[in-house]
C-alpha atoms as a PDB file:
ATOM      1  CA  MET A   1       1.777  -9.289  -5.269  1.00  0.00           C
ATOM      2  CA  ALA A   2      -0.261 -10.617  -8.121  1.00  0.00           C
ATOM      3  CA  ILE A   3      -1.260 -14.224  -8.208  1.00  0.00           C
ATOM      4  CA  ALA A   4       0.364 -16.150 -11.145  1.00  0.00           C
ATOM      5  CA  SER A   5      -2.823 -17.815 -12.143  1.00  0.00           C
ATOM      6  CA  GLN A   6      -4.395 -14.499 -12.972  1.00  0.00           C
ATOM      7  CA  PRO A   7      -4.850 -13.566 -16.661  1.00  0.00           C
ATOM      8  CA  ARG A   8      -2.163 -11.529 -18.216  1.00  0.00           C
ATOM      9  CA  LYS A   9      -2.361  -8.684 -20.506  1.00  0.00           C
ATOM     10  CA  THR A  10       0.503  -7.202 -22.550  1.00  0.00           C
ATOM     11  CA  VAL A  11       0.972  -3.463 -22.183  1.00  0.00           C
ATOM     12  CA  ALA A  12       3.589  -0.990 -23.312  1.00  0.00           C
ATOM     13  CA  VAL A  13       5.244   1.235 -20.883  1.00  0.00           C
ATOM     14  CA  ILE A  14       8.111   3.801 -21.339  1.00  0.00           C
ATOM     15  CA  LEU A  15      10.890   3.537 -18.685  1.00  0.00           C
ATOM     16  CA  ASP A  16      13.948   5.182 -17.897  1.00  0.00           C
ATOM     17  CA  GLN A  17      16.768   3.437 -19.884  1.00  0.00           C
ATOM     18  CA  SER A  18      19.286   3.474 -17.108  1.00  0.00           C
ATOM     19  CA  LEU A  19      16.765   1.910 -14.669  1.00  0.00           C
ATOM     20  CA  ILE A  20      16.257  -0.878 -17.186  1.00  0.00           C
ATOM     21  CA  ALA A  21      20.055  -1.402 -17.691  1.00  0.00           C
ATOM     22  CA  GLU A  22      20.464  -1.421 -13.952  1.00  0.00           C
ATOM     23  CA  ALA A  23      17.640  -4.024 -13.309  1.00  0.00           C
ATOM     24  CA  CYS A  24      19.394  -6.211 -15.950  1.00  0.00           C
ATOM     25  CA  ASP A  25      22.683  -5.795 -13.947  1.00  0.00           C
ATOM     26  CA  PHE A  26      20.930  -7.222 -10.978  1.00  0.00           C
ATOM     27  CA  SER A  27      18.920  -9.923 -12.835  1.00  0.00           C
ATOM     28  CA  ILE A  28      15.746  -8.222 -11.788  1.00  0.00           C
ATOM     29  CA  ASP A  29      12.530  -9.176 -13.607  1.00  0.00           C
ATOM     30  CA  VAL A  30      11.222  -5.870 -14.784  1.00  0.00           C
ATOM     31  CA  SER A  31       7.819  -7.195 -15.489  1.00  0.00           C
ATOM     32  CA  HIS A  32       7.363  -8.690 -12.030  1.00  0.00           C
ATOM     33  CA  ALA A  33       8.905  -5.612 -10.566  1.00  0.00           C
ATOM     34  CA  ALA A  34       6.603  -3.382 -12.391  1.00  0.00           C
ATOM     35  CA  GLU A  35       3.581  -5.455 -11.422  1.00  0.00           C
ATOM     36  CA  ASP A  36       4.647  -5.475  -7.945  1.00  0.00           C
ATOM     37  CA  GLY A  37       5.060  -1.790  -7.918  1.00  0.00           C
ATOM     38  CA  ILE A  38       1.779  -1.191  -9.343  1.00  0.00           C
ATOM     39  CA  ALA A  39       0.045  -3.310  -6.784  1.00  0.00           C
ATOM     40  CA  GLN A  40       1.674  -1.515  -3.901  1.00  0.00           C
ATOM     41  CA  ALA A  41       0.642   1.843  -5.582  1.00  0.00           C
ATOM     42  CA  ILE A  42      -2.861   0.447  -5.584  1.00  0.00           C
ATOM     43  CA  GLU A  43      -2.853  -0.703  -2.163  1.00  0.00           C
ATOM     44  CA  ALA A  44      -1.587   2.798  -1.066  1.00  0.00           C
ATOM     45  CA  GLU A  45      -4.131   4.575  -3.102  1.00  0.00           C
ATOM     46  CA  LYS A  46      -6.966   2.344  -1.430  1.00  0.00           C
ATOM     47  CA  GLU A  47      -5.580   3.179   2.177  1.00  0.00           C
ATOM     48  CA  ARG A  48      -5.374   6.912   1.201  1.00  0.00           C
ATOM     49  CA  ARG A  49      -9.040   6.984  -0.151  1.00  0.00           C
ATOM     50  CA  TRP A  50     -10.101   4.876   3.043  1.00  0.00           C
ATOM     51  CA  ARG A  51      -8.539   7.370   5.255  1.00  0.00           C
ATOM     52  CA  ILE A  52     -10.293  10.062   3.584  1.00  0.00           C
ATOM     53  CA  GLU A  53     -13.686   8.456   3.508  1.00  0.00           C
ATOM     54  CA  ASN A  54     -13.275   7.590   7.103  1.00  0.00           C
ATOM     55  CA  ALA A  55     -11.648  10.860   8.391  1.00  0.00           C
ATOM     56  CA  HIS A  56     -14.580  11.788  10.617  1.00  0.00           C
ATOM     57  CA  ALA A  57     -14.730   8.537  12.316  1.00  0.00           C
ATOM     58  CA  ILE A  58     -10.931   8.579  12.873  1.00  0.00           C
ATOM     59  CA  ARG A  59     -11.084  12.022  14.344  1.00  0.00           C
ATOM     60  CA  ALA A  60     -14.079  11.236  16.526  1.00  0.00           C
ATOM     61  CA  GLU A  61     -12.206   8.035  17.885  1.00  0.00           C
ATOM     62  CA  LYS A  62      -9.183  10.248  18.759  1.00  0.00           C
ATOM     63  CA  GLU A  63     -11.299  12.783  20.480  1.00  0.00           C
ATOM     64  CA  TYR A  64     -12.952  10.070  22.445  1.00  0.00           C
ATOM     65  CA  ILE A  65      -9.646   8.651  23.569  1.00  0.00           C
ATOM     66  CA  GLU A  66      -8.313  12.021  24.352  1.00  0.00           C
ATOM     67  CA  LYS A  67     -11.349  12.699  26.583  1.00  0.00           C
ATOM     68  CA  HIS A  68     -11.909   9.178  28.174  1.00  0.00           C
ATOM     69  CA  GLY A  69      -8.885   7.197  27.666  1.00  0.00           C
ATOM     70  CA  LEU A  70      -8.557   3.982  26.057  1.00  0.00           C
ATOM     71  CA  PRO A  71     -11.504   1.546  26.832  1.00  0.00           C
ATOM     72  CA  LEU A  72     -10.647  -1.115  29.204  1.00  0.00           C
ATOM     73  CA  ALA A  73      -7.348   0.374  29.881  1.00  0.00           C
ATOM     74  CA  ASN A  74      -7.713  -0.269  33.509  1.00  0.00           C
ATOM     75  CA  TYR A  75      -7.647  -3.946  32.842  1.00  0.00           C
ATOM     76  CA  TRP A  76      -4.394  -3.886  31.149  1.00  0.00           C
ATOM     77  CA  GLN A  77      -1.302  -4.686  32.904  1.00  0.00           C
ATOM     78  CA  PHE A  78       2.131  -3.427  31.416  1.00  0.00           C
END
């Protein structure tokens, strides 16, 4: 979610008319909902790119755990 003190920029977006009508019926602030949605999309894209960039390390860690088990697992009590 964006911080209210951040500078704002007016942009034009084209949205489905029925979505806008339904948002109005539920008193949803379309600007804030759009901003929240964009922020979520950015975070999802950052996560996706991080996973791609670190795929080798993630795969290596999984292989290590499959071969050796979790580090310090013998000290855990369930």
